[in-house]
């Protein structure tokens, strides 16, 4: 009996990484993740910077609620929106990953 059926197939990860589909996947992923991460950090660290250097952010906006509180609440909204955007994008990226995995299983040239 041959032991080939019991041995896991070897996957050529270098070939996958060089493939057009994988390159497109990584470009789309990085094109989304990098700008969103930069935006998140800027928006997140802007609150302590503004409260330190811009006195008007501590002025009342609505009744006793200051602009700093509104900005802080906006950070929660921004986080939820980014999570929803990422979930939507991740579904598309996951579909691309599955397509690449199926191509590997079929022995399609990458």
N, C-alpha and C. Protein backbone atom coordinates (compact mmCIF):
# COMPACT_ATOMS: atom_id res chain seq x y z
N UNK A 1 0.83 -1.20 0.00
CA UNK A 1 0.00 0.00 0.00
C UNK A 1 0.86 1.25 0.00
N UNK A 2 0.38 2.23 -0.65
CA UNK A 2 1.10 3.49 -0.74
C UNK A 2 0.75 4.38 0.46
N UNK A 3 1.76 5.06 0.96
CA UNK A 3 1.55 5.97 2.09
C UNK A 3 1.18 7.37 1.62
N UNK A 4 1.07 7.58 0.32
CA UNK A 4 0.78 8.91 -0.19
C UNK A 4 -0.60 9.41 0.22
N UNK A 5 -1.54 8.52 0.38
CA UNK A 5 -2.89 8.94 0.78
C UNK A 5 -2.91 9.45 2.22
N UNK A 6 -2.02 8.91 3.05
CA UNK A 6 -1.99 9.29 4.46
C UNK A 6 -1.14 10.54 4.71
N UNK A 7 -0.30 10.89 3.75
CA UNK A 7 0.57 12.04 3.93
C UNK A 7 -0.15 13.30 3.46
N UNK A 8 -0.02 14.36 4.26
CA UNK A 8 -0.64 15.62 3.82
C UNK A 8 0.09 16.16 2.60
N UNK A 9 -0.67 16.77 1.71
CA UNK A 9 -0.04 17.34 0.51
C UNK A 9 0.76 18.57 0.91
N UNK A 10 1.82 18.78 0.21
CA UNK A 10 2.68 19.93 0.50
C UNK A 10 2.18 21.13 -0.31
N UNK A 11 2.03 22.22 0.39
CA UNK A 11 1.54 23.44 -0.26
C UNK A 11 2.73 24.35 -0.51
N UNK A 12 2.83 24.83 -1.71
CA UNK A 12 3.91 25.73 -2.08
C UNK A 12 3.48 27.17 -1.77
N UNK A 13 3.82 27.63 -0.57
CA UNK A 13 3.40 28.96 -0.13
C UNK A 13 4.08 30.07 -0.92
N UNK A 14 5.29 29.81 -1.39
CA UNK A 14 5.98 30.81 -2.20
C UNK A 14 5.23 31.05 -3.50
N UNK A 15 4.75 29.98 -4.10
CA UNK A 15 3.98 30.09 -5.34
C UNK A 15 2.67 30.84 -5.10
N UNK A 16 2.04 30.55 -3.98
CA UNK A 16 0.78 31.24 -3.64
C UNK A 16 1.04 32.73 -3.45
N UNK A 17 2.11 33.06 -2.72
CA UNK A 17 2.42 34.47 -2.45
C UNK A 17 2.73 35.24 -3.74
N UNK A 18 3.24 34.55 -4.74
CA UNK A 18 3.57 35.20 -6.01
C UNK A 18 2.38 35.26 -6.97
N UNK A 19 1.30 34.56 -6.63
CA UNK A 19 0.16 34.48 -7.55
C UNK A 19 -0.56 35.82 -7.67
N UNK A 20 -1.19 36.02 -8.80
CA UNK A 20 -1.92 37.26 -9.06
C UNK A 20 -3.09 37.43 -8.10
N UNK A 21 -3.83 36.36 -7.85
CA UNK A 21 -4.99 36.45 -6.96
C UNK A 21 -4.56 36.85 -5.55
N UNK A 22 -3.46 36.26 -5.07
CA UNK A 22 -2.98 36.58 -3.73
C UNK A 22 -2.49 38.02 -3.67
N UNK A 23 -1.82 38.47 -4.71
CA UNK A 23 -1.34 39.86 -4.75
C UNK A 23 -2.52 40.83 -4.72
N UNK A 24 -3.58 40.51 -5.45
CA UNK A 24 -4.78 41.36 -5.43
C UNK A 24 -5.40 41.36 -4.04
N UNK A 25 -5.47 40.18 -3.43
CA UNK A 25 -6.02 40.06 -2.07
C UNK A 25 -5.24 40.95 -1.10
N UNK A 26 -3.92 40.85 -1.12
CA UNK A 26 -3.10 41.62 -0.19
C UNK A 26 -3.20 43.12 -0.47
N UNK A 27 -3.28 43.49 -1.75
CA UNK A 27 -3.40 44.91 -2.09
C UNK A 27 -4.72 45.47 -1.57
N UNK A 28 -5.81 44.71 -1.73
CA UNK A 28 -7.11 45.17 -1.24
C UNK A 28 -7.13 45.24 0.28
N UNK A 29 -6.54 44.23 0.93
CA UNK A 29 -6.50 44.21 2.40
C UNK A 29 -5.70 45.39 2.92
N UNK A 30 -4.50 45.56 2.41
CA UNK A 30 -3.65 46.66 2.88
C UNK A 30 -4.22 48.02 2.50
N UNK A 31 -4.89 48.10 1.36
CA UNK A 31 -5.51 49.34 0.93
C UNK A 31 -6.66 49.75 1.83
N UNK A 32 -7.22 48.81 2.56
CA UNK A 32 -8.29 49.11 3.50
C UNK A 32 -7.75 49.30 4.92
N UNK A 33 -6.94 48.35 5.36
CA UNK A 33 -6.49 48.34 6.75
C UNK A 33 -5.59 49.54 7.08
N UNK A 34 -4.64 49.85 6.24
CA UNK A 34 -3.70 50.93 6.54
C UNK A 34 -4.39 52.29 6.67
N UNK A 35 -5.19 52.72 5.70
CA UNK A 35 -5.86 54.03 5.87
C UNK A 35 -6.81 54.07 7.06
N UNK A 36 -7.53 52.97 7.30
CA UNK A 36 -8.46 52.95 8.43
C UNK A 36 -7.72 52.99 9.76
N UNK A 37 -6.58 52.33 9.85
CA UNK A 37 -5.79 52.35 11.07
C UNK A 37 -5.23 53.75 11.32
N UNK A 38 -4.72 54.38 10.28
CA UNK A 38 -4.20 55.74 10.42
C UNK A 38 -5.32 56.69 10.85
N UNK A 39 -6.48 56.58 10.19
CA UNK A 39 -7.62 57.42 10.57
C UNK A 39 -8.01 57.20 12.03
N UNK A 40 -8.08 55.92 12.44
CA UNK A 40 -8.47 55.60 13.81
C UNK A 40 -7.52 56.23 14.82
N UNK A 41 -6.21 56.07 14.61
CA UNK A 41 -5.25 56.62 15.57
C UNK A 41 -5.30 58.15 15.61
N UNK A 42 -5.43 58.78 14.47
CA UNK A 42 -5.53 60.24 14.45
C UNK A 42 -6.78 60.69 15.20
N UNK A 43 -7.91 60.07 14.89
CA UNK A 43 -9.17 60.45 15.54
C UNK A 43 -9.11 60.17 17.04
N UNK A 44 -8.49 59.05 17.43
CA UNK A 44 -8.41 58.66 18.83
C UNK A 44 -7.52 59.62 19.63
N UNK A 45 -6.33 59.92 19.11
CA UNK A 45 -5.39 60.76 19.85
C UNK A 45 -5.69 62.25 19.71
N UNK A 46 -6.60 62.60 18.84
CA UNK A 46 -6.96 64.00 18.68
C UNK A 46 -7.68 64.55 19.92
N UNK A 47 -8.45 63.74 20.60
CA UNK A 47 -9.18 64.21 21.78
C UNK A 47 -8.24 64.69 22.88
N UNK A 48 -7.27 63.89 23.33
CA UNK A 48 -6.39 64.42 24.38
C UNK A 48 -5.55 65.62 23.91
N UNK A 49 -5.20 65.63 22.64
CA UNK A 49 -4.43 66.77 22.12
C UNK A 49 -5.30 68.03 22.13
N UNK A 50 -6.53 67.90 21.65
CA UNK A 50 -7.43 69.05 21.62
C UNK A 50 -7.76 69.56 23.02
N UNK A 51 -7.99 68.64 23.95
CA UNK A 51 -8.32 69.09 25.31
C UNK A 51 -7.14 69.78 25.98
N UNK A 52 -5.93 69.46 25.55
CA UNK A 52 -4.74 70.10 26.12
C UNK A 52 -4.44 71.46 25.51
N UNK A 53 -4.68 71.60 24.21
CA UNK A 53 -4.21 72.79 23.50
C UNK A 53 -5.30 73.68 22.93
N UNK A 54 -6.55 73.22 22.92
CA UNK A 54 -7.64 74.03 22.36
C UNK A 54 -8.68 74.23 23.46
N UNK A 55 -8.64 75.38 24.13
CA UNK A 55 -9.56 75.60 25.25
C UNK A 55 -11.04 75.58 24.86
N UNK A 56 -11.35 75.91 23.62
CA UNK A 56 -12.76 75.98 23.22
C UNK A 56 -13.44 74.61 23.21
N UNK A 57 -12.67 73.53 23.18
CA UNK A 57 -13.29 72.21 23.20
C UNK A 57 -13.91 71.91 24.56
N UNK A 58 -13.48 72.64 25.58
CA UNK A 58 -14.05 72.45 26.91
C UNK A 58 -15.21 73.41 27.19
N UNK A 59 -15.65 74.12 26.18
CA UNK A 59 -16.79 75.03 26.31
C UNK A 59 -18.09 74.24 26.11
N UNK A 60 -19.16 74.66 26.76
CA UNK A 60 -20.44 73.96 26.58
C UNK A 60 -20.94 74.02 25.14
N UNK A 61 -21.44 72.89 24.68
CA UNK A 61 -22.01 72.80 23.33
C UNK A 61 -23.52 72.76 23.41
N UNK A 62 -24.03 71.86 24.25
CA UNK A 62 -25.47 71.70 24.46
C UNK A 62 -25.69 71.64 25.97
N UNK A 63 -26.22 72.69 26.53
CA UNK A 63 -26.41 72.73 27.98
C UNK A 63 -25.05 72.65 28.68
N UNK A 64 -24.90 71.68 29.57
CA UNK A 64 -23.64 71.52 30.30
C UNK A 64 -22.68 70.56 29.60
N UNK A 65 -23.10 69.99 28.49
CA UNK A 65 -22.27 69.03 27.75
C UNK A 65 -21.26 69.80 26.89
N UNK A 66 -19.98 69.50 27.11
CA UNK A 66 -18.94 70.20 26.36
C UNK A 66 -18.66 69.50 25.03
N UNK A 67 -17.91 70.20 24.17
CA UNK A 67 -17.52 69.63 22.88
C UNK A 67 -16.64 68.40 23.08
N UNK A 68 -15.88 68.36 24.16
CA UNK A 68 -15.03 67.20 24.44
C UNK A 68 -15.89 65.94 24.64
N UNK A 69 -17.01 66.08 25.35
CA UNK A 69 -17.90 64.94 25.54
C UNK A 69 -18.52 64.49 24.22
N UNK A 70 -18.88 65.44 23.39
CA UNK A 70 -19.45 65.10 22.08
C UNK A 70 -18.40 64.38 21.23
N UNK A 71 -17.17 64.89 21.26
CA UNK A 71 -16.09 64.24 20.52
C UNK A 71 -15.84 62.83 21.06
N UNK A 72 -15.86 62.70 22.39
CA UNK A 72 -15.68 61.38 23.01
C UNK A 72 -16.77 60.40 22.60
N UNK A 73 -18.01 60.86 22.56
CA UNK A 73 -19.11 60.01 22.11
C UNK A 73 -18.95 59.65 20.64
N UNK A 74 -18.46 60.61 19.86
CA UNK A 74 -18.23 60.36 18.43
C UNK A 74 -17.18 59.26 18.23
N UNK A 75 -16.26 59.12 19.18
CA UNK A 75 -15.27 58.05 19.08
C UNK A 75 -15.94 56.68 19.18
N UNK A 76 -16.94 56.55 20.02
CA UNK A 76 -17.68 55.28 20.10
C UNK A 76 -18.38 55.00 18.77
N UNK A 77 -19.02 56.01 18.22
CA UNK A 77 -19.70 55.84 16.93
C UNK A 77 -18.70 55.47 15.85
N UNK A 78 -17.56 56.16 15.84
CA UNK A 78 -16.52 55.87 14.85
C UNK A 78 -16.03 54.43 14.98
N UNK A 79 -15.87 53.95 16.20
CA UNK A 79 -15.42 52.57 16.41
C UNK A 79 -16.45 51.59 15.87
N UNK A 80 -17.72 51.81 16.14
CA UNK A 80 -18.76 50.91 15.63
C UNK A 80 -18.80 50.92 14.10
N UNK A 81 -18.68 52.12 13.52
CA UNK A 81 -18.70 52.23 12.06
C UNK A 81 -17.50 51.50 11.45
N UNK A 82 -16.32 51.70 12.03
CA UNK A 82 -15.14 51.01 11.51
C UNK A 82 -15.28 49.49 11.64
N UNK A 83 -15.86 49.03 12.73
CA UNK A 83 -16.08 47.58 12.90
C UNK A 83 -17.03 47.05 11.83
N UNK A 84 -18.09 47.78 11.55
CA UNK A 84 -19.03 47.35 10.52
C UNK A 84 -18.38 47.36 9.14
N UNK A 85 -17.61 48.40 8.85
CA UNK A 85 -16.91 48.47 7.57
C UNK A 85 -15.91 47.32 7.43
N UNK A 86 -15.18 47.04 8.52
CA UNK A 86 -14.20 45.96 8.47
C UNK A 86 -14.89 44.61 8.29
N UNK A 87 -16.00 44.40 8.98
CA UNK A 87 -16.73 43.14 8.83
C UNK A 87 -17.20 42.94 7.40
N UNK A 88 -17.69 44.00 6.79
CA UNK A 88 -18.13 43.93 5.40
C UNK A 88 -16.96 43.62 4.47
N UNK A 89 -15.86 44.32 4.67
CA UNK A 89 -14.67 44.10 3.83
C UNK A 89 -14.10 42.70 4.06
N UNK A 90 -14.12 42.24 5.31
CA UNK A 90 -13.57 40.92 5.63
C UNK A 90 -14.34 39.81 4.93
N UNK A 91 -15.65 39.97 4.77
CA UNK A 91 -16.44 38.97 4.05
C UNK A 91 -15.96 38.84 2.61
N UNK A 92 -15.69 39.97 1.99
CA UNK A 92 -15.20 39.96 0.61
C UNK A 92 -13.81 39.35 0.53
N UNK A 93 -12.95 39.71 1.48
CA UNK A 93 -11.60 39.16 1.49
C UNK A 93 -11.62 37.66 1.78
N UNK A 94 -12.50 37.23 2.68
CA UNK A 94 -12.63 35.80 2.99
C UNK A 94 -13.06 35.01 1.76
N UNK A 95 -13.94 35.60 0.95
CA UNK A 95 -14.36 34.93 -0.28
C UNK A 95 -13.18 34.77 -1.23
N UNK A 96 -12.33 35.78 -1.29
CA UNK A 96 -11.14 35.68 -2.14
C UNK A 96 -10.18 34.61 -1.61
N UNK A 97 -10.04 34.52 -0.30
CA UNK A 97 -9.18 33.50 0.30
C UNK A 97 -9.71 32.11 -0.03
N UNK A 98 -11.02 31.93 0.08
CA UNK A 98 -11.61 30.63 -0.24
C UNK A 98 -11.38 30.26 -1.70
N UNK A 99 -11.46 31.24 -2.58
CA UNK A 99 -11.21 31.00 -4.00
C UNK A 99 -9.76 30.55 -4.22
N UNK A 100 -8.84 31.19 -3.54
CA UNK A 100 -7.42 30.81 -3.64
C UNK A 100 -7.22 29.40 -3.10
N UNK A 101 -7.86 29.08 -1.98
CA UNK A 101 -7.74 27.74 -1.39
C UNK A 101 -8.32 26.68 -2.32
N UNK A 102 -9.43 26.99 -2.98
CA UNK A 102 -10.02 26.04 -3.92
C UNK A 102 -9.11 25.82 -5.11
N UNK A 103 -8.48 26.89 -5.58
CA UNK A 103 -7.54 26.76 -6.69
C UNK A 103 -6.38 25.86 -6.31
N UNK A 104 -5.92 25.97 -5.07
CA UNK A 104 -4.83 25.12 -4.60
C UNK A 104 -5.28 23.67 -4.57
N UNK A 105 -6.50 23.45 -4.07
CA UNK A 105 -7.03 22.09 -3.99
C UNK A 105 -7.23 21.45 -5.35
N UNK A 106 -7.54 22.25 -6.35
CA UNK A 106 -7.76 21.73 -7.70
C UNK A 106 -6.45 21.59 -8.47
N UNK A 107 -5.38 22.12 -7.91
CA UNK A 107 -4.10 22.06 -8.59
C UNK A 107 -3.96 23.08 -9.70
N UNK A 108 -4.73 24.16 -9.61
CA UNK A 108 -4.67 25.21 -10.62
C UNK A 108 -3.34 25.93 -10.50
N UNK A 109 -2.74 26.23 -11.64
CA UNK A 109 -1.48 26.98 -11.65
C UNK A 109 -1.73 28.36 -11.06
N UNK A 110 -0.92 28.74 -10.15
CA UNK A 110 -1.05 30.03 -9.50
C UNK A 110 -0.27 31.00 -10.28
